[in-house]
Structure formats: structure tokens, C-alpha cells
């Protein structure tokens, strides 16, 4: 049997199987946000993430996303089109 082209792995697991448990663990442990949709909970989540060193925009986005998952009616931010709205008048 030829092992040409195959890399032997001492653990016997594929690379994806090796990565999966580590990713799952950091995903859950990284920053558990409080569940809820009230302004108080959203504010606490933002403050907690900023204290942990996350950028303010990332803290706001993650906190609002958690509130949406908890049932809050918060519309998603729409992306701006490539054209600025004032330039449409001059066409």
C-alpha cells in the first residue's frame, strides 16, 4: 500500500475533526452574552464586550444580534448603495 499523497496524522482524526472541538469550545466560552431583548440587557452586553476589548461597533452588532435572536423587533442595518443618494438628483 502506498502512502504517497496522504499525510499520516498521529491522532488518526481528519483536520476538520481536530479543529471542530476547539472551535466549538472557543465559540461558547469566548463571550457569553446575556439573553434578552430589553434596552438594559442590550446595554449590559455592549458594556461587557467593550470592557473585554472588542471594538464598539462589533459590541453593538453582536448585542443587537443577540436581542434579535431573543425576539426583539430590531431591523437589520441596510447597506448603503455604491451611489450616494444626493448624486441621483443630478442624473
N, C-alpha and C. Protein backbone atom coordinates (compact mmCIF):
# COMPACT_ATOMS: atom_id res chain seq x y z
N UNK A 1 0.85 -1.18 0.00
CA UNK A 1 0.00 0.00 0.00
C UNK A 1 0.90 1.23 0.00
N UNK A 2 0.55 2.18 -0.82
CA UNK A 2 1.36 3.37 -0.96
C UNK A 2 0.74 4.52 -0.17
N UNK A 3 1.58 5.26 0.53
CA UNK A 3 1.12 6.42 1.30
C UNK A 3 1.46 7.72 0.58
N UNK A 4 1.73 7.66 -0.69
CA UNK A 4 2.06 8.86 -1.45
C UNK A 4 0.82 9.74 -1.53
N UNK A 5 0.97 10.99 -1.17
CA UNK A 5 -0.14 11.93 -1.23
C UNK A 5 -1.00 11.96 0.03
N UNK A 6 -0.76 11.05 0.95
CA UNK A 6 -1.52 11.04 2.20
C UNK A 6 -0.60 11.45 3.34
N UNK A 7 -1.10 12.28 4.19
CA UNK A 7 -0.33 12.70 5.35
C UNK A 7 -0.81 11.90 6.54
N UNK A 8 0.11 11.28 7.21
CA UNK A 8 -0.26 10.48 8.37
C UNK A 8 -0.45 11.41 9.55
N UNK A 9 -1.52 11.20 10.25
CA UNK A 9 -1.87 12.02 11.39
C UNK A 9 -1.75 11.16 12.65
N UNK A 10 -0.96 11.57 13.64
CA UNK A 10 -0.76 10.73 14.81
C UNK A 10 -2.06 10.47 15.60
N UNK A 11 -3.00 11.40 15.58
CA UNK A 11 -4.24 11.18 16.34
C UNK A 11 -5.23 10.33 15.57
N UNK A 12 -5.05 10.20 14.26
CA UNK A 12 -5.96 9.41 13.45
C UNK A 12 -7.21 10.17 13.03
N UNK A 13 -7.34 11.44 13.42
CA UNK A 13 -8.51 12.24 13.07
C UNK A 13 -8.21 13.10 11.85
N UNK A 14 -9.25 13.44 11.10
CA UNK A 14 -9.06 14.37 9.99
C UNK A 14 -8.81 15.76 10.57
N UNK A 15 -8.32 16.65 9.72
CA UNK A 15 -8.05 18.02 10.19
C UNK A 15 -9.33 18.70 10.64
N UNK A 16 -10.43 18.50 9.92
CA UNK A 16 -11.71 19.12 10.30
C UNK A 16 -12.18 18.59 11.66
N UNK A 17 -12.00 17.30 11.90
CA UNK A 17 -12.42 16.72 13.17
C UNK A 17 -11.55 17.24 14.31
N UNK A 18 -10.28 17.51 14.03
CA UNK A 18 -9.41 18.06 15.08
C UNK A 18 -9.80 19.49 15.40
N UNK A 19 -10.16 20.27 14.38
CA UNK A 19 -10.49 21.67 14.57
C UNK A 19 -11.85 21.87 15.22
N UNK A 20 -12.81 21.03 14.92
CA UNK A 20 -14.19 21.21 15.35
C UNK A 20 -14.33 21.35 16.87
N UNK A 21 -13.78 20.46 17.67
CA UNK A 21 -13.97 20.62 19.12
C UNK A 21 -13.36 21.92 19.66
N UNK A 22 -12.20 22.30 19.15
CA UNK A 22 -11.57 23.53 19.62
C UNK A 22 -12.40 24.74 19.23
N UNK A 23 -12.95 24.75 18.02
CA UNK A 23 -13.77 25.87 17.58
C UNK A 23 -15.04 25.96 18.40
N UNK A 24 -15.68 24.83 18.63
CA UNK A 24 -16.92 24.81 19.43
C UNK A 24 -16.65 25.33 20.84
N UNK A 25 -15.53 24.95 21.42
CA UNK A 25 -15.22 25.35 22.78
C UNK A 25 -14.99 26.86 22.85
N UNK A 26 -14.22 27.42 21.92
CA UNK A 26 -13.95 28.85 21.98
C UNK A 26 -15.19 29.65 21.62
N UNK A 27 -16.03 29.11 20.76
CA UNK A 27 -17.24 29.81 20.36
C UNK A 27 -18.16 30.02 21.56
N UNK A 28 -18.34 29.00 22.37
CA UNK A 28 -19.23 29.09 23.51
C UNK A 28 -18.58 29.84 24.67
N UNK A 29 -17.29 29.63 24.87
CA UNK A 29 -16.60 30.19 26.03
C UNK A 29 -16.17 31.63 25.82
N UNK A 30 -16.03 32.04 24.56
CA UNK A 30 -15.43 33.32 24.22
C UNK A 30 -16.15 34.48 24.91
N UNK A 31 -17.43 34.68 24.67
CA UNK A 31 -18.14 35.80 25.25
C UNK A 31 -19.62 35.44 25.35
N UNK A 32 -20.02 34.83 26.44
CA UNK A 32 -21.44 34.51 26.56
C UNK A 32 -22.24 35.79 26.85
N UNK A 33 -23.08 36.18 25.91
CA UNK A 33 -23.90 37.37 26.07
C UNK A 33 -25.17 37.02 26.83
N UNK A 34 -25.71 38.00 27.53
CA UNK A 34 -26.94 37.79 28.26
C UNK A 34 -28.10 37.66 27.28
N UNK A 35 -29.01 36.75 27.56
CA UNK A 35 -30.19 36.58 26.71
C UNK A 35 -31.21 37.64 27.10
N UNK A 36 -31.90 38.19 26.13
CA UNK A 36 -32.94 39.17 26.41
C UNK A 36 -33.02 40.21 25.32
N UNK A 37 -34.13 40.96 25.36
CA UNK A 37 -34.35 41.96 24.32
C UNK A 37 -34.58 43.36 24.86
N UNK A 38 -34.44 43.54 26.16
CA UNK A 38 -34.66 44.87 26.74
C UNK A 38 -33.44 45.76 26.50
N UNK A 39 -33.67 47.06 26.59
CA UNK A 39 -32.56 48.01 26.40
C UNK A 39 -31.49 47.82 27.46
N UNK A 40 -31.91 47.46 28.67
CA UNK A 40 -30.96 47.24 29.76
C UNK A 40 -30.01 46.09 29.44
N UNK A 41 -30.55 44.97 28.95
CA UNK A 41 -29.72 43.81 28.62
C UNK A 41 -28.80 44.13 27.45
N UNK A 42 -29.33 44.82 26.44
CA UNK A 42 -28.50 45.19 25.28
C UNK A 42 -27.35 46.08 25.73
N UNK A 43 -27.63 47.06 26.59
CA UNK A 43 -26.59 47.95 27.11
C UNK A 43 -25.54 47.22 27.93
N UNK A 44 -25.98 46.26 28.74
CA UNK A 44 -25.04 45.47 29.54
C UNK A 44 -24.12 44.66 28.63
N UNK A 45 -24.70 44.06 27.58
CA UNK A 45 -23.89 43.27 26.66
C UNK A 45 -22.86 44.13 25.94
N UNK A 46 -23.27 45.33 25.54
CA UNK A 46 -22.33 46.24 24.86
C UNK A 46 -21.19 46.62 25.80
N UNK A 47 -21.54 47.00 27.03
CA UNK A 47 -20.52 47.40 28.01
C UNK A 47 -19.56 46.25 28.31
N UNK A 48 -20.10 45.06 28.47
CA UNK A 48 -19.27 43.90 28.79
C UNK A 48 -18.30 43.58 27.66
N UNK A 49 -18.77 43.68 26.42
CA UNK A 49 -17.89 43.40 25.29
C UNK A 49 -16.81 44.47 25.13
N UNK A 50 -17.17 45.74 25.36
CA UNK A 50 -16.17 46.81 25.27
C UNK A 50 -15.10 46.65 26.34
N UNK A 51 -15.50 46.26 27.55
CA UNK A 51 -14.53 46.04 28.62
C UNK A 51 -13.61 44.88 28.29
N UNK A 52 -14.12 43.90 27.52
CA UNK A 52 -13.30 42.76 27.14
C UNK A 52 -12.35 43.09 25.99
N UNK A 53 -12.47 44.32 25.43
CA UNK A 53 -11.53 44.74 24.40
C UNK A 53 -12.05 44.71 22.98
N UNK A 54 -13.34 44.41 22.81
CA UNK A 54 -13.91 44.40 21.46
C UNK A 54 -14.16 45.83 20.99
N UNK A 55 -14.08 46.08 19.68
CA UNK A 55 -14.41 47.41 19.16
C UNK A 55 -15.88 47.73 19.43
N UNK A 56 -16.19 49.02 19.56
CA UNK A 56 -17.55 49.43 19.90
C UNK A 56 -18.55 48.97 18.85
N UNK A 57 -18.20 49.10 17.56
CA UNK A 57 -19.13 48.69 16.51
C UNK A 57 -19.42 47.19 16.56
N UNK A 58 -18.41 46.38 16.88
CA UNK A 58 -18.61 44.94 16.99
C UNK A 58 -19.47 44.60 18.20
N UNK A 59 -19.26 45.33 19.30
CA UNK A 59 -20.04 45.10 20.51
C UNK A 59 -21.52 45.41 20.27
N UNK A 60 -21.78 46.51 19.57
CA UNK A 60 -23.16 46.89 19.27
C UNK A 60 -23.81 45.85 18.36
N UNK A 61 -23.10 45.45 17.31
CA UNK A 61 -23.65 44.49 16.36
C UNK A 61 -23.97 43.15 17.02
N UNK A 62 -23.07 42.65 17.83
CA UNK A 62 -23.29 41.36 18.49
C UNK A 62 -24.43 41.45 19.49
N UNK A 63 -24.52 42.55 20.22
CA UNK A 63 -25.58 42.72 21.21
C UNK A 63 -26.95 42.82 20.55
N UNK A 64 -27.03 43.56 19.45
CA UNK A 64 -28.30 43.67 18.73
C UNK A 64 -28.68 42.34 18.09
N UNK A 65 -27.71 41.60 17.62
CA UNK A 65 -27.99 40.29 17.03
C UNK A 65 -28.54 39.34 18.09
N UNK A 66 -27.97 39.36 19.28
CA UNK A 66 -28.46 38.53 20.38
C UNK A 66 -29.89 38.91 20.75
N UNK A 67 -30.18 40.21 20.75
CA UNK A 67 -31.54 40.68 21.05
C UNK A 67 -32.52 40.20 19.97
N UNK A 68 -32.08 40.24 18.70
CA UNK A 68 -32.94 39.75 17.62
C UNK A 68 -33.26 38.27 17.81
N UNK A 69 -32.25 37.49 18.19
CA UNK A 69 -32.45 36.06 18.42
C UNK A 69 -33.38 35.82 19.61
N UNK A 70 -33.43 36.77 20.54
CA UNK A 70 -34.32 36.64 21.70
C UNK A 70 -35.73 37.14 21.40
N UNK A 71 -35.96 37.63 20.19
CA UNK A 71 -37.30 38.03 19.81
C UNK A 71 -37.54 39.52 19.67
N UNK A 72 -36.51 40.33 19.80
CA UNK A 72 -36.68 41.78 19.67
C UNK A 72 -36.94 42.13 18.20
N UNK A 73 -37.75 43.13 17.98
CA UNK A 73 -38.06 43.58 16.63
C UNK A 73 -37.12 44.72 16.27
N UNK A 74 -35.89 44.37 15.94
CA UNK A 74 -34.87 45.34 15.57
C UNK A 74 -34.52 45.08 14.11
N UNK A 75 -34.76 46.05 13.22
CA UNK A 75 -34.44 45.81 11.80
C UNK A 75 -32.93 45.73 11.60
N UNK A 76 -32.54 44.93 10.63
CA UNK A 76 -31.12 44.82 10.29
C UNK A 76 -30.69 46.08 9.58
N UNK A 77 -29.43 46.45 9.75
CA UNK A 77 -28.90 47.64 9.10
C UNK A 77 -28.76 47.36 7.61
N UNK A 78 -29.29 48.27 6.80
CA UNK A 78 -29.20 48.11 5.35
C UNK A 78 -27.89 48.68 4.86
N UNK A 79 -27.30 48.01 3.89
CA UNK A 79 -26.05 48.50 3.31
C UNK A 79 -26.35 49.68 2.39
N UNK A 80 -25.47 50.64 2.41
CA UNK A 80 -25.60 51.79 1.51
C UNK A 80 -25.27 51.32 0.10
N UNK A 81 -25.97 51.85 -0.86
CA UNK A 81 -25.64 51.52 -2.25
C UNK A 81 -24.34 52.23 -2.61
N UNK A 82 -23.76 51.83 -3.72
CA UNK A 82 -22.48 52.43 -4.11
C UNK A 82 -22.64 53.89 -4.51
N UNK A 83 -23.85 54.27 -4.92
CA UNK A 83 -24.10 55.65 -5.29
C UNK A 83 -24.65 56.41 -4.09
N UNK A 84 -24.18 57.59 -3.90
CA UNK A 84 -24.68 58.40 -2.80
C UNK A 84 -26.05 58.93 -3.18
N UNK A 85 -26.96 59.06 -2.24
CA UNK A 85 -28.34 59.44 -2.55
C UNK A 85 -28.45 60.84 -3.17
N UNK A 86 -27.55 61.76 -2.86
CA UNK A 86 -27.65 63.11 -3.44
C UNK A 86 -27.27 63.12 -4.91
N UNK A 87 -26.43 62.19 -5.32
CA UNK A 87 -26.00 62.18 -6.70
C UNK A 87 -27.07 61.70 -7.66
N UNK A 88 -28.08 61.03 -7.16
CA UNK A 88 -29.17 60.58 -8.02
C UNK A 88 -29.97 61.77 -8.57
N UNK A 89 -30.00 62.89 -7.85
CA UNK A 89 -30.73 64.06 -8.29
C UNK A 89 -30.09 64.69 -9.53
N UNK A 90 -28.81 64.56 -9.67
CA UNK A 90 -28.07 65.23 -10.74
C UNK A 90 -27.98 64.41 -12.01
N UNK A 91 -28.66 63.32 -12.07
CA UNK A 91 -28.57 62.46 -13.26
C UNK A 91 -29.42 62.98 -14.36
